[in-house]
Amino acid sequence: MTGNLVHGGAVVSCPHGGRAVSTAAAGTGVRVDGAPVATAADLFTVSGCPHSVGGRPQPCTSVRWLPVGGGDEVRIDGVPVLLDTSAAMCFSAGLVPQGPPVVAPVHQGVSSR
């Protein structure tokens, strides 16, 4: 599996432009250029999503990641790290799927193979 690590320096947004931030990555002991590496155990919340359906606000509020479970992924304390190629979906407060997040790593070249 290849891809760039998702870490505290990565910009993650919902497909509508809202900003997704990890609420748990700050406690991770593994860091890349001083930024904590995100894992599948981290929670991501979305703020500032302008999405609406039929004129009613339906903003993204969370991101759920589905790391590949083939056993060849990089792990921190037994939990898979997140890559920009990891499957994920943004959800509304009512858990309605809203589309995949967009990950734009700040530090290019930090990758997992």
N, C-alpha and C. Protein backbone atom coordinates (compact mmCIF):
# COMPACT_ATOMS: atom_id res chain seq x y z
N MET A 1 0.85 -1.17 0.00
CA MET A 1 0.00 0.00 0.00
C MET A 1 0.90 1.24 0.00
N THR A 2 0.56 2.21 -0.81
CA THR A 2 1.33 3.45 -0.85
C THR A 2 0.42 4.63 -0.60
N GLY A 3 1.03 5.72 -0.19
CA GLY A 3 0.30 6.96 0.04
C GLY A 3 1.03 7.82 1.04
N ASN A 4 0.58 9.05 1.17
CA ASN A 4 1.16 9.98 2.13
C ASN A 4 0.47 9.84 3.48
N LEU A 5 1.24 9.95 4.56
CA LEU A 5 0.68 9.89 5.89
C LEU A 5 -0.24 11.07 6.13
N VAL A 6 -1.36 10.83 6.80
CA VAL A 6 -2.22 11.91 7.26
C VAL A 6 -1.70 12.26 8.65
N HIS A 7 -1.32 13.51 8.83
CA HIS A 7 -0.76 13.95 10.12
C HIS A 7 -1.25 15.35 10.42
N GLY A 8 -0.84 15.89 11.55
CA GLY A 8 -1.28 17.20 11.99
C GLY A 8 -1.00 18.32 11.01
N GLY A 9 -0.10 18.11 10.05
CA GLY A 9 0.20 19.13 9.05
C GLY A 9 -0.63 18.99 7.79
N ALA A 10 -1.43 17.93 7.69
CA ALA A 10 -2.25 17.71 6.50
C ALA A 10 -3.53 18.54 6.60
N VAL A 11 -3.99 19.01 5.46
CA VAL A 11 -5.25 19.73 5.39
C VAL A 11 -6.31 18.75 4.89
N VAL A 12 -7.29 18.48 5.74
CA VAL A 12 -8.37 17.56 5.40
C VAL A 12 -9.65 18.37 5.36
N SER A 13 -10.41 18.22 4.28
CA SER A 13 -11.67 18.95 4.17
C SER A 13 -12.75 18.02 3.65
N CYS A 14 -14.00 18.41 3.88
CA CYS A 14 -15.12 17.67 3.31
C CYS A 14 -15.23 18.06 1.84
N PRO A 15 -16.03 17.35 1.05
CA PRO A 15 -16.11 17.68 -0.38
C PRO A 15 -16.75 19.04 -0.66
N HIS A 16 -17.28 19.70 0.38
CA HIS A 16 -17.94 21.00 0.21
C HIS A 16 -17.09 22.15 0.74
N GLY A 17 -15.89 21.84 1.22
CA GLY A 17 -14.98 22.88 1.68
C GLY A 17 -14.89 23.08 3.18
N GLY A 18 -15.65 22.31 3.97
CA GLY A 18 -15.53 22.39 5.43
C GLY A 18 -14.22 21.79 5.89
N ARG A 19 -13.67 22.26 6.99
CA ARG A 19 -12.38 21.80 7.49
C ARG A 19 -12.56 20.66 8.48
N ALA A 20 -11.83 19.56 8.28
CA ALA A 20 -11.88 18.40 9.18
C ALA A 20 -10.61 18.40 10.02
N VAL A 21 -10.79 18.24 11.33
CA VAL A 21 -9.67 18.26 12.27
C VAL A 21 -9.75 17.03 13.16
N SER A 22 -8.61 16.40 13.37
CA SER A 22 -8.55 15.25 14.27
C SER A 22 -8.64 15.73 15.70
N THR A 23 -9.54 15.11 16.46
CA THR A 23 -9.68 15.49 17.87
C THR A 23 -8.82 14.64 18.78
N ALA A 24 -8.19 13.60 18.24
CA ALA A 24 -7.42 12.69 19.09
C ALA A 24 -5.94 12.61 18.73
N ALA A 25 -5.53 13.10 17.58
CA ALA A 25 -4.16 12.91 17.12
C ALA A 25 -3.13 13.61 18.01
N ALA A 26 -3.53 14.61 18.75
CA ALA A 26 -2.57 15.34 19.58
C ALA A 26 -1.90 14.44 20.61
N GLY A 27 -2.56 13.36 21.03
CA GLY A 27 -1.98 12.48 22.03
C GLY A 27 -1.06 11.43 21.46
N THR A 28 -0.99 11.29 20.15
CA THR A 28 -0.15 10.27 19.53
C THR A 28 1.32 10.58 19.76
N GLY A 29 2.07 9.58 20.16
CA GLY A 29 3.48 9.78 20.42
C GLY A 29 4.34 9.82 19.17
N VAL A 30 3.84 9.29 18.04
CA VAL A 30 4.60 9.28 16.80
C VAL A 30 4.31 10.56 16.05
N ARG A 31 5.40 11.24 15.63
CA ARG A 31 5.25 12.53 14.96
C ARG A 31 6.09 12.57 13.69
N VAL A 32 5.63 13.37 12.72
CA VAL A 32 6.34 13.63 11.49
C VAL A 32 6.57 15.13 11.44
N ASP A 33 7.81 15.55 11.42
CA ASP A 33 8.14 16.98 11.45
C ASP A 33 7.40 17.69 12.57
N GLY A 34 7.28 17.04 13.72
CA GLY A 34 6.63 17.63 14.89
C GLY A 34 5.13 17.51 14.92
N ALA A 35 4.51 17.03 13.85
CA ALA A 35 3.06 16.89 13.78
C ALA A 35 2.66 15.45 14.09
N PRO A 36 1.63 15.24 14.92
CA PRO A 36 1.20 13.88 15.25
C PRO A 36 0.64 13.14 14.04
N VAL A 37 0.95 11.85 13.93
CA VAL A 37 0.45 11.00 12.85
C VAL A 37 -0.95 10.52 13.23
N ALA A 38 -1.89 10.62 12.31
CA ALA A 38 -3.27 10.19 12.56
C ALA A 38 -3.39 8.69 12.37
N THR A 39 -4.24 8.07 13.20
CA THR A 39 -4.51 6.64 13.09
C THR A 39 -6.01 6.41 12.92
N ALA A 40 -6.37 5.18 12.64
CA ALA A 40 -7.77 4.81 12.46
C ALA A 40 -8.58 5.03 13.73
N ALA A 41 -7.93 5.15 14.88
CA ALA A 41 -8.63 5.37 16.14
C ALA A 41 -8.99 6.84 16.37
N ASP A 42 -8.42 7.75 15.59
CA ASP A 42 -8.67 9.17 15.78
C ASP A 42 -10.05 9.57 15.25
N LEU A 43 -10.67 10.52 15.92
CA LEU A 43 -11.95 11.06 15.50
C LEU A 43 -11.70 12.36 14.75
N PHE A 44 -12.39 12.57 13.65
CA PHE A 44 -12.28 13.80 12.88
C PHE A 44 -13.63 14.51 12.88
N THR A 45 -13.64 15.78 13.27
CA THR A 45 -14.85 16.58 13.22
C THR A 45 -14.71 17.62 12.11
N VAL A 46 -15.84 17.94 11.50
CA VAL A 46 -15.86 18.90 10.39
C VAL A 46 -16.59 20.16 10.85
N SER A 47 -16.03 21.30 10.51
CA SER A 47 -16.69 22.58 10.79
C SER A 47 -16.67 23.44 9.53
N GLY A 48 -17.64 24.30 9.42
CA GLY A 48 -17.68 25.23 8.29
C GLY A 48 -18.19 24.64 6.99
N CYS A 49 -18.87 23.52 7.02
CA CYS A 49 -19.40 22.93 5.78
C CYS A 49 -20.68 23.66 5.38
N PRO A 50 -20.72 24.19 4.15
CA PRO A 50 -21.89 24.93 3.70
C PRO A 50 -22.97 24.09 3.00
N HIS A 51 -22.80 22.78 2.97
CA HIS A 51 -23.70 21.91 2.18
C HIS A 51 -25.15 22.03 2.64
N SER A 52 -26.05 22.07 1.66
CA SER A 52 -27.48 22.06 1.95
C SER A 52 -28.18 21.19 0.90
N VAL A 53 -29.34 20.67 1.28
CA VAL A 53 -30.14 19.83 0.39
C VAL A 53 -31.55 20.43 0.36
N GLY A 54 -32.00 20.82 -0.81
CA GLY A 54 -33.33 21.42 -0.93
C GLY A 54 -33.49 22.69 -0.12
N GLY A 55 -32.40 23.45 0.02
CA GLY A 55 -32.45 24.70 0.77
C GLY A 55 -32.32 24.53 2.28
N ARG A 56 -32.19 23.28 2.74
CA ARG A 56 -32.03 23.02 4.18
C ARG A 56 -30.59 22.64 4.47
N PRO A 57 -29.98 23.24 5.50
CA PRO A 57 -28.59 22.91 5.84
C PRO A 57 -28.43 21.41 6.14
N GLN A 58 -27.42 20.83 5.55
CA GLN A 58 -27.08 19.41 5.76
C GLN A 58 -25.56 19.32 5.81
N PRO A 59 -24.92 20.04 6.72
CA PRO A 59 -23.46 20.10 6.72
C PRO A 59 -22.80 18.80 7.16
N CYS A 60 -21.60 18.58 6.64
CA CYS A 60 -20.77 17.47 7.12
C CYS A 60 -20.34 17.80 8.54
N THR A 61 -20.33 16.80 9.42
CA THR A 61 -19.91 17.01 10.80
C THR A 61 -18.80 16.06 11.23
N SER A 62 -18.59 14.96 10.48
CA SER A 62 -17.55 14.01 10.88
C SER A 62 -16.99 13.28 9.66
N VAL A 63 -15.82 12.68 9.86
CA VAL A 63 -15.18 11.85 8.84
C VAL A 63 -14.90 10.50 9.48
N ARG A 64 -15.26 9.44 8.79
CA ARG A 64 -14.95 8.09 9.25
C ARG A 64 -14.02 7.45 8.23
N TRP A 65 -12.92 6.90 8.74
CA TRP A 65 -11.88 6.30 7.90
C TRP A 65 -12.01 4.79 7.94
N LEU A 66 -11.73 4.15 6.81
CA LEU A 66 -11.77 2.70 6.69
C LEU A 66 -10.43 2.22 6.16
N PRO A 67 -9.42 2.11 7.03
CA PRO A 67 -8.11 1.67 6.54
C PRO A 67 -8.18 0.25 6.02
N VAL A 68 -7.36 -0.04 5.03
CA VAL A 68 -7.29 -1.37 4.46
C VAL A 68 -6.79 -2.33 5.54
N GLY A 69 -7.44 -3.44 5.70
CA GLY A 69 -7.08 -4.38 6.75
C GLY A 69 -6.33 -5.59 6.26
N GLY A 70 -5.46 -5.44 5.29
CA GLY A 70 -4.75 -6.57 4.73
C GLY A 70 -3.58 -7.05 5.56
N GLY A 71 -3.26 -6.36 6.64
CA GLY A 71 -2.15 -6.79 7.49
C GLY A 71 -0.82 -6.21 7.07
N ASP A 72 -0.75 -5.51 5.94
CA ASP A 72 0.53 -4.97 5.49
C ASP A 72 0.65 -3.47 5.76
N GLU A 73 -0.34 -2.90 6.47
CA GLU A 73 -0.30 -1.47 6.74
C GLU A 73 0.63 -1.14 7.91
N VAL A 74 1.08 0.11 7.92
CA VAL A 74 1.91 0.61 9.02
C VAL A 74 0.99 0.84 10.21
N ARG A 75 1.47 0.47 11.41
CA ARG A 75 0.64 0.59 12.61
C ARG A 75 1.39 1.34 13.71
N ILE A 76 0.63 2.01 14.55
CA ILE A 76 1.13 2.64 15.77
C ILE A 76 0.37 2.01 16.92
N ASP A 77 1.07 1.36 17.82
CA ASP A 77 0.44 0.65 18.93
C ASP A 77 -0.68 -0.28 18.44
N GLY A 78 -0.45 -0.94 17.30
CA GLY A 78 -1.40 -1.90 16.76
C GLY A 78 -2.55 -1.31 15.95
N VAL A 79 -2.59 0.02 15.83
CA VAL A 79 -3.67 0.68 15.10
C VAL A 79 -3.12 1.20 13.77
N PRO A 80 -3.80 0.91 12.64
CA PRO A 80 -3.29 1.38 11.34
C PRO A 80 -3.22 2.90 11.27
N VAL A 81 -2.14 3.40 10.66
CA VAL A 81 -2.04 4.84 10.40
C VAL A 81 -2.94 5.17 9.21
N LEU A 82 -3.30 6.43 9.09
CA LEU A 82 -4.13 6.86 7.96
C LEU A 82 -3.25 7.40 6.86
N LEU A 83 -3.57 7.01 5.64
CA LEU A 83 -2.89 7.51 4.46
C LEU A 83 -3.90 8.31 3.64
N ASP A 84 -3.39 9.19 2.79
CA ASP A 84 -4.32 9.94 1.94
C ASP A 84 -5.04 9.04 0.94
N THR A 85 -4.61 7.80 0.84
CA THR A 85 -5.28 6.82 -0.02
C THR A 85 -6.25 5.92 0.76
N SER A 86 -6.33 6.10 2.09
CA SER A 86 -7.26 5.31 2.90
C SER A 86 -8.69 5.70 2.55
N ALA A 87 -9.56 4.71 2.49
CA ALA A 87 -10.97 4.99 2.20
C ALA A 87 -11.59 5.74 3.38
N ALA A 88 -12.42 6.73 3.07
CA ALA A 88 -13.08 7.52 4.11
C ALA A 88 -14.37 8.10 3.55
N MET A 89 -15.25 8.52 4.47
CA MET A 89 -16.51 9.13 4.07
C MET A 89 -16.85 10.22 5.09
N CYS A 90 -17.36 11.34 4.57
CA CYS A 90 -17.86 12.41 5.42
C CYS A 90 -19.34 12.14 5.68
N PHE A 91 -19.80 12.50 6.90
CA PHE A 91 -21.18 12.27 7.29
C PHE A 91 -21.79 13.53 7.90
N SER A 92 -23.11 13.64 7.76
CA SER A 92 -23.85 14.71 8.42
C SER A 92 -24.11 14.30 9.86
N ALA A 93 -24.72 15.20 10.64
CA ALA A 93 -25.05 14.88 12.03
C ALA A 93 -26.01 13.69 12.11
N GLY A 94 -26.84 13.51 11.08
CA GLY A 94 -27.77 12.38 11.04
C GLY A 94 -27.17 11.13 10.41
N LEU A 95 -25.83 11.12 10.25
CA LEU A 95 -25.07 10.03 9.67
C LEU A 95 -25.44 9.72 8.22
N VAL A 96 -25.80 10.77 7.48
CA VAL A 96 -26.05 10.64 6.05
C VAL A 96 -24.71 10.79 5.32
N PRO A 97 -24.30 9.82 4.50
CA PRO A 97 -23.04 9.95 3.77
C PRO A 97 -23.07 11.17 2.84
N GLN A 98 -21.97 11.96 2.86
CA GLN A 98 -21.92 13.20 2.10
C GLN A 98 -20.84 13.18 1.02
N GLY A 99 -20.01 12.15 0.99
CA GLY A 99 -18.93 12.08 0.02
C GLY A 99 -17.58 11.94 0.70
N PRO A 100 -16.55 11.57 -0.06
CA PRO A 100 -15.22 11.36 0.52
C PRO A 100 -14.53 12.68 0.85
N PRO A 101 -13.67 12.67 1.87
CA PRO A 101 -12.92 13.87 2.20
C PRO A 101 -11.80 14.11 1.18
N VAL A 102 -11.29 15.31 1.19
CA VAL A 102 -10.16 15.69 0.35
C VAL A 102 -8.96 15.89 1.28
N VAL A 103 -7.85 15.20 1.00
CA VAL A 103 -6.66 15.29 1.83
C VAL A 103 -5.55 15.95 1.01
N ALA A 104 -5.03 17.05 1.52
CA ALA A 104 -3.93 17.76 0.86
C ALA A 104 -2.76 17.83 1.83
N PRO A 105 -1.80 16.89 1.75
CA PRO A 105 -0.67 16.90 2.66
C PRO A 105 0.20 18.12 2.47
N VAL A 106 0.64 18.69 3.59
CA VAL A 106 1.52 19.85 3.55
C VAL A 106 2.94 19.42 3.24
N HIS A 107 3.36 18.32 3.84
CA HIS A 107 4.74 17.83 3.66
C HIS A 107 4.75 16.72 2.63
N GLN A 108 5.03 17.03 1.39
CA GLN A 108 5.12 16.01 0.36
C GLN A 108 6.37 15.16 0.61
N GLY A 109 6.30 13.92 0.23
CA GLY A 109 7.47 13.06 0.35
C GLY A 109 7.46 12.19 1.59
N VAL A 110 6.59 12.45 2.56
CA VAL A 110 6.44 11.59 3.72
C VAL A 110 5.45 10.54 3.31
N SER A 111 5.91 9.32 3.11
CA SER A 111 5.00 8.29 2.59
C SER A 111 5.24 6.96 3.27
N SER A 112 4.32 6.06 3.03
CA SER A 112 4.40 4.70 3.55
C SER A 112 4.34 3.75 2.36
N ARG A 113 5.20 2.77 2.33
CA ARG A 113 5.17 1.79 1.24
C ARG A 113 5.19 0.41 1.82
